Amino acid sequence: MTVAVRYTCPYCSAVTSVERAPDLADRSVTKRKQPGWEYAEPGGDDLEDADGIAFVCGEDGVVTDLEGAETAGCGRPFYLNFVRFEQGVELEPEPPTYGGPRFDFNAGG
């Protein structure tokens, strides 16, 4: 069984969807890959073995704006990061996606 799950591009807010197993746990959507994590292609058969999905906005199927109207997307890569475990312990992404102060020196692009 699969479900359609929607993700928003962190650059342009275009929405893309992917069919995947419902038991995969999402952690975050980021502009950069997490160091050492392996990413699958959207719709690939290896999603359950990957640490996340690598998207290219507008190139991985139909994308829409937040209201549902079809749009082109910005063509930039972004990454869905799954919750990851190592020896039964949940791993934190680098940099952490929650808690404590965060600084984005690349704001706006």
N, C-alpha and C. Protein backbone atom coordinates (compact mmCIF):
# COMPACT_ATOMS: atom_id res chain seq x y z
N MET A 1 0.84 -1.18 0.00
CA MET A 1 0.00 0.00 0.00
C MET A 1 0.89 1.25 0.00
N THR A 2 0.51 2.24 -0.78
CA THR A 2 1.22 3.52 -0.80
C THR A 2 0.24 4.65 -0.56
N VAL A 3 0.79 5.79 -0.18
CA VAL A 3 0.00 7.00 0.01
C VAL A 3 0.68 8.13 -0.74
N ALA A 4 -0.09 9.11 -1.16
CA ALA A 4 0.48 10.32 -1.79
C ALA A 4 0.78 11.31 -0.67
N VAL A 5 2.02 11.76 -0.62
CA VAL A 5 2.44 12.72 0.40
C VAL A 5 2.97 13.95 -0.33
N ARG A 6 2.61 15.14 0.16
CA ARG A 6 2.98 16.40 -0.49
C ARG A 6 4.07 17.11 0.29
N TYR A 7 5.00 17.71 -0.45
CA TYR A 7 6.10 18.45 0.16
C TYR A 7 6.23 19.81 -0.52
N THR A 8 6.59 20.81 0.26
CA THR A 8 6.71 22.17 -0.22
C THR A 8 8.18 22.53 -0.42
N CYS A 9 8.51 23.05 -1.58
CA CYS A 9 9.87 23.50 -1.87
C CYS A 9 10.24 24.63 -0.92
N PRO A 10 11.39 24.54 -0.24
CA PRO A 10 11.77 25.60 0.70
C PRO A 10 12.23 26.89 0.01
N TYR A 11 12.39 26.87 -1.31
CA TYR A 11 12.81 28.05 -2.04
C TYR A 11 11.62 28.85 -2.58
N CYS A 12 10.69 28.17 -3.24
CA CYS A 12 9.63 28.88 -3.96
C CYS A 12 8.22 28.51 -3.50
N SER A 13 8.09 27.60 -2.55
CA SER A 13 6.81 27.16 -2.00
C SER A 13 5.95 26.37 -2.99
N ALA A 14 6.54 25.88 -4.08
CA ALA A 14 5.81 24.99 -4.97
C ALA A 14 5.61 23.66 -4.24
N VAL A 15 4.53 22.98 -4.54
CA VAL A 15 4.18 21.73 -3.85
C VAL A 15 4.34 20.58 -4.83
N THR A 16 5.05 19.54 -4.40
CA THR A 16 5.21 18.33 -5.19
C THR A 16 4.71 17.16 -4.36
N SER A 17 4.31 16.09 -5.00
CA SER A 17 3.84 14.92 -4.25
C SER A 17 4.57 13.68 -4.72
N VAL A 18 4.62 12.70 -3.85
CA VAL A 18 5.28 11.44 -4.16
C VAL A 18 4.47 10.32 -3.52
N GLU A 19 4.38 9.20 -4.23
CA GLU A 19 3.73 8.00 -3.70
C GLU A 19 4.78 7.21 -2.93
N ARG A 20 4.47 6.87 -1.68
CA ARG A 20 5.44 6.12 -0.88
C ARG A 20 4.72 5.33 0.20
N ALA A 21 5.45 4.45 0.86
CA ALA A 21 4.89 3.65 1.94
C ALA A 21 4.48 4.57 3.09
N PRO A 22 3.34 4.30 3.72
CA PRO A 22 2.87 5.19 4.79
C PRO A 22 3.68 5.07 6.09
N ASP A 23 4.50 4.03 6.23
CA ASP A 23 5.23 3.85 7.49
C ASP A 23 6.57 4.57 7.52
N LEU A 24 6.98 5.25 6.45
CA LEU A 24 8.22 6.03 6.47
C LEU A 24 7.98 7.31 7.26
N ALA A 25 8.83 7.61 8.22
CA ALA A 25 8.64 8.76 9.09
C ALA A 25 9.47 9.95 8.58
N ASP A 26 8.80 11.06 8.29
CA ASP A 26 9.48 12.26 7.83
C ASP A 26 10.03 13.04 9.02
N ARG A 27 11.24 13.58 8.84
CA ARG A 27 11.81 14.45 9.86
C ARG A 27 11.76 15.91 9.40
N SER A 28 12.27 16.19 8.20
CA SER A 28 12.38 17.58 7.77
C SER A 28 12.55 17.66 6.26
N VAL A 29 12.34 18.86 5.73
CA VAL A 29 12.67 19.20 4.35
C VAL A 29 13.73 20.28 4.43
N THR A 30 14.86 20.06 3.77
CA THR A 30 15.98 21.00 3.86
C THR A 30 16.48 21.39 2.48
N LYS A 31 17.23 22.49 2.45
CA LYS A 31 17.83 22.97 1.21
C LYS A 31 19.11 22.21 0.88
N ARG A 32 19.70 21.60 1.87
CA ARG A 32 20.97 20.89 1.69
C ARG A 32 20.85 19.45 2.14
N LYS A 33 21.68 18.59 1.55
CA LYS A 33 21.76 17.19 1.97
C LYS A 33 22.33 17.12 3.38
N GLN A 34 21.90 16.11 4.13
CA GLN A 34 22.51 15.84 5.42
C GLN A 34 23.80 15.07 5.17
N PRO A 35 24.90 15.45 5.80
CA PRO A 35 26.18 14.78 5.56
C PRO A 35 26.11 13.28 5.84
N GLY A 36 26.54 12.49 4.85
CA GLY A 36 26.58 11.04 5.01
C GLY A 36 25.27 10.33 4.77
N TRP A 37 24.20 11.05 4.45
CA TRP A 37 22.90 10.42 4.23
C TRP A 37 22.75 10.08 2.75
N GLU A 38 22.07 8.97 2.48
CA GLU A 38 21.82 8.51 1.11
C GLU A 38 20.39 8.87 0.72
N TYR A 39 20.23 9.49 -0.45
CA TYR A 39 18.93 9.94 -0.92
C TYR A 39 18.48 9.16 -2.14
N ALA A 40 17.21 8.82 -2.18
CA ALA A 40 16.61 8.12 -3.30
C ALA A 40 15.94 9.13 -4.23
N GLU A 41 15.65 8.69 -5.44
CA GLU A 41 14.89 9.50 -6.39
C GLU A 41 13.40 9.38 -6.03
N PRO A 42 12.60 10.42 -6.26
CA PRO A 42 11.16 10.33 -6.01
C PRO A 42 10.56 9.17 -6.81
N GLY A 43 9.74 8.39 -6.18
CA GLY A 43 9.10 7.27 -6.85
C GLY A 43 9.99 6.07 -7.06
N GLY A 44 11.21 6.11 -6.57
CA GLY A 44 12.13 4.99 -6.73
C GLY A 44 11.73 3.79 -5.87
N ASP A 45 12.24 2.63 -6.23
CA ASP A 45 11.93 1.41 -5.50
C ASP A 45 12.74 1.27 -4.22
N ASP A 46 13.75 2.14 -4.03
CA ASP A 46 14.66 2.01 -2.90
C ASP A 46 14.36 3.00 -1.77
N LEU A 47 13.15 3.55 -1.70
CA LEU A 47 12.83 4.55 -0.69
C LEU A 47 13.01 4.01 0.73
N GLU A 48 12.62 2.78 0.95
CA GLU A 48 12.70 2.22 2.30
C GLU A 48 14.13 1.98 2.75
N ASP A 49 15.08 1.89 1.82
CA ASP A 49 16.48 1.70 2.17
C ASP A 49 17.24 3.03 2.24
N ALA A 50 16.61 4.11 1.83
CA ALA A 50 17.27 5.42 1.78
C ALA A 50 17.05 6.19 3.08
N ASP A 51 17.83 7.25 3.24
CA ASP A 51 17.70 8.14 4.39
C ASP A 51 16.77 9.31 4.09
N GLY A 52 16.35 9.42 2.82
CA GLY A 52 15.47 10.50 2.41
C GLY A 52 15.28 10.49 0.91
N ILE A 53 14.67 11.55 0.41
CA ILE A 53 14.38 11.68 -1.02
C ILE A 53 14.98 13.00 -1.51
N ALA A 54 15.67 12.96 -2.65
CA ALA A 54 16.21 14.15 -3.28
C ALA A 54 15.25 14.60 -4.39
N PHE A 55 14.72 15.81 -4.26
CA PHE A 55 13.82 16.38 -5.24
C PHE A 55 14.53 17.47 -6.04
N VAL A 56 14.06 17.70 -7.26
CA VAL A 56 14.41 18.89 -8.02
C VAL A 56 13.07 19.54 -8.34
N CYS A 57 12.86 20.72 -7.80
CA CYS A 57 11.56 21.40 -7.89
C CYS A 57 11.15 21.61 -9.34
N GLY A 58 10.02 21.03 -9.70
CA GLY A 58 9.48 21.17 -11.04
C GLY A 58 9.91 20.10 -12.02
N GLU A 59 10.89 19.28 -11.65
CA GLU A 59 11.39 18.25 -12.55
C GLU A 59 10.98 16.84 -12.13
N ASP A 60 10.35 16.71 -10.99
CA ASP A 60 9.96 15.40 -10.48
C ASP A 60 8.46 15.21 -10.51
N GLY A 61 7.85 15.55 -11.61
CA GLY A 61 6.41 15.41 -11.75
C GLY A 61 5.72 16.78 -11.69
N VAL A 62 4.42 16.75 -11.64
CA VAL A 62 3.61 17.96 -11.62
C VAL A 62 3.77 18.66 -10.28
N VAL A 63 3.97 19.96 -10.31
CA VAL A 63 4.00 20.76 -9.08
C VAL A 63 2.92 21.82 -9.16
N THR A 64 2.44 22.22 -7.99
CA THR A 64 1.39 23.22 -7.90
C THR A 64 1.80 24.31 -6.93
N ASP A 65 1.04 25.41 -6.95
CA ASP A 65 1.22 26.40 -5.90
C ASP A 65 0.42 25.94 -4.69
N LEU A 66 0.42 26.72 -3.64
CA LEU A 66 -0.25 26.30 -2.40
C LEU A 66 -1.76 26.18 -2.56
N GLU A 67 -2.33 26.85 -3.58
CA GLU A 67 -3.78 26.76 -3.82
C GLU A 67 -4.15 25.62 -4.76
N GLY A 68 -3.16 24.94 -5.35
CA GLY A 68 -3.44 23.80 -6.22
C GLY A 68 -3.34 24.07 -7.70
N ALA A 69 -3.02 25.31 -8.10
CA ALA A 69 -2.86 25.63 -9.52
C ALA A 69 -1.48 25.16 -9.99
N GLU A 70 -1.43 24.54 -11.16
CA GLU A 70 -0.17 24.03 -11.68
C GLU A 70 0.82 25.17 -11.90
N THR A 71 2.10 24.90 -11.55
CA THR A 71 3.16 25.89 -11.69
C THR A 71 4.42 25.19 -12.20
N ALA A 72 5.42 25.96 -12.60
CA ALA A 72 6.63 25.38 -13.18
C ALA A 72 7.64 24.91 -12.13
N GLY A 73 7.68 25.51 -10.97
CA GLY A 73 8.72 25.20 -9.98
C GLY A 73 9.98 25.97 -10.31
N CYS A 74 10.92 25.99 -9.37
CA CYS A 74 12.12 26.82 -9.54
C CYS A 74 13.34 26.05 -10.04
N GLY A 75 13.28 24.72 -10.12
CA GLY A 75 14.39 23.93 -10.63
C GLY A 75 15.53 23.70 -9.64
N ARG A 76 15.35 24.10 -8.39
CA ARG A 76 16.39 23.93 -7.38
C ARG A 76 16.21 22.62 -6.62
N PRO A 77 17.31 22.02 -6.16
CA PRO A 77 17.21 20.78 -5.40
C PRO A 77 16.80 21.05 -3.95
N PHE A 78 16.01 20.12 -3.38
CA PHE A 78 15.72 20.13 -1.96
C PHE A 78 15.58 18.69 -1.50
N TYR A 79 15.61 18.48 -0.20
CA TYR A 79 15.76 17.13 0.34
C TYR A 79 14.75 16.86 1.45
N LEU A 80 14.09 15.72 1.34
CA LEU A 80 13.25 15.21 2.41
C LEU A 80 14.13 14.26 3.23
N ASN A 81 14.17 14.49 4.53
CA ASN A 81 14.97 13.65 5.42
C ASN A 81 14.05 12.80 6.27
N PHE A 82 14.26 11.49 6.23
CA PHE A 82 13.48 10.58 7.07
C PHE A 82 14.08 10.53 8.46
N VAL A 83 13.29 10.09 9.43
CA VAL A 83 13.82 9.79 10.76
C VAL A 83 14.74 8.60 10.59
N ARG A 84 15.92 8.68 11.17
CA ARG A 84 16.94 7.65 11.00
C ARG A 84 17.36 7.10 12.36
N PHE A 85 17.64 5.80 12.40
CA PHE A 85 18.08 5.15 13.63
C PHE A 85 19.39 4.43 13.38
N GLU A 86 20.23 4.40 14.39
CA GLU A 86 21.47 3.63 14.35
C GLU A 86 21.57 2.89 15.68
N GLN A 87 21.56 1.57 15.63
CA GLN A 87 21.59 0.72 16.82
C GLN A 87 20.46 1.08 17.78
N GLY A 88 19.29 1.37 17.24
CA GLY A 88 18.11 1.66 18.04
C GLY A 88 18.03 3.07 18.58
N VAL A 89 18.99 3.93 18.26
CA VAL A 89 19.00 5.31 18.74
C VAL A 89 18.70 6.23 17.58
N GLU A 90 17.73 7.14 17.78
CA GLU A 90 17.38 8.08 16.73
C GLU A 90 18.52 9.07 16.52
N LEU A 91 18.93 9.24 15.26
CA LEU A 91 20.02 10.15 14.92
C LEU A 91 19.48 11.54 14.65
N GLU A 92 20.22 12.54 15.08
CA GLU A 92 19.87 13.93 14.82
C GLU A 92 20.48 14.34 13.49
N PRO A 93 19.76 15.10 12.67
CA PRO A 93 20.36 15.61 11.44
C PRO A 93 21.39 16.68 11.77
N GLU A 94 22.30 16.91 10.84
CA GLU A 94 23.30 17.97 10.99
C GLU A 94 23.05 19.03 9.94
N PRO A 95 22.76 20.25 10.24
CA PRO A 95 22.53 20.77 11.58
C PRO A 95 21.16 20.36 12.08
N PRO A 96 20.94 20.40 13.40
CA PRO A 96 19.62 20.03 13.94
C PRO A 96 18.52 20.87 13.29
N THR A 97 17.35 20.26 13.10
CA THR A 97 16.25 20.96 12.45
C THR A 97 15.28 21.56 13.45
N TYR A 98 15.54 21.42 14.73
CA TYR A 98 14.66 21.99 15.74
C TYR A 98 15.46 22.23 17.01
N GLY A 99 14.91 23.05 17.91
CA GLY A 99 15.53 23.32 19.20
C GLY A 99 16.73 24.23 19.09
N GLY A 100 16.91 25.10 20.05
CA GLY A 100 18.07 25.97 20.11
C GLY A 100 18.07 27.01 19.01
N PRO A 101 19.01 27.93 19.08
CA PRO A 101 19.08 28.98 18.04
C PRO A 101 19.53 28.41 16.71
N ARG A 102 18.98 28.95 15.64
CA ARG A 102 19.38 28.58 14.29
C ARG A 102 19.68 29.85 13.52
N PHE A 103 20.69 29.80 12.69
CA PHE A 103 21.08 30.95 11.90
C PHE A 103 21.13 30.54 10.44
N ASP A 104 20.45 31.29 9.58
CA ASP A 104 20.45 31.01 8.16
C ASP A 104 21.11 32.18 7.46
N PHE A 105 22.41 32.06 7.20
CA PHE A 105 23.15 33.14 6.58
C PHE A 105 22.91 33.22 5.08
N ASN A 106 22.17 32.24 4.52
CA ASN A 106 21.86 32.23 3.10
C ASN A 106 20.39 32.57 2.86
N ALA A 107 19.77 33.27 3.79
CA ALA A 107 18.35 33.60 3.66
C ALA A 107 18.11 34.36 2.36
N GLY A 108 17.05 33.99 1.72
CA GLY A 108 16.67 34.68 0.49
C GLY A 108 17.35 34.12 -0.74
N GLY A 109 18.05 33.03 -0.59
CA GLY A 109 18.56 32.42 -1.79
C GLY A 109 19.96 32.09 -1.72
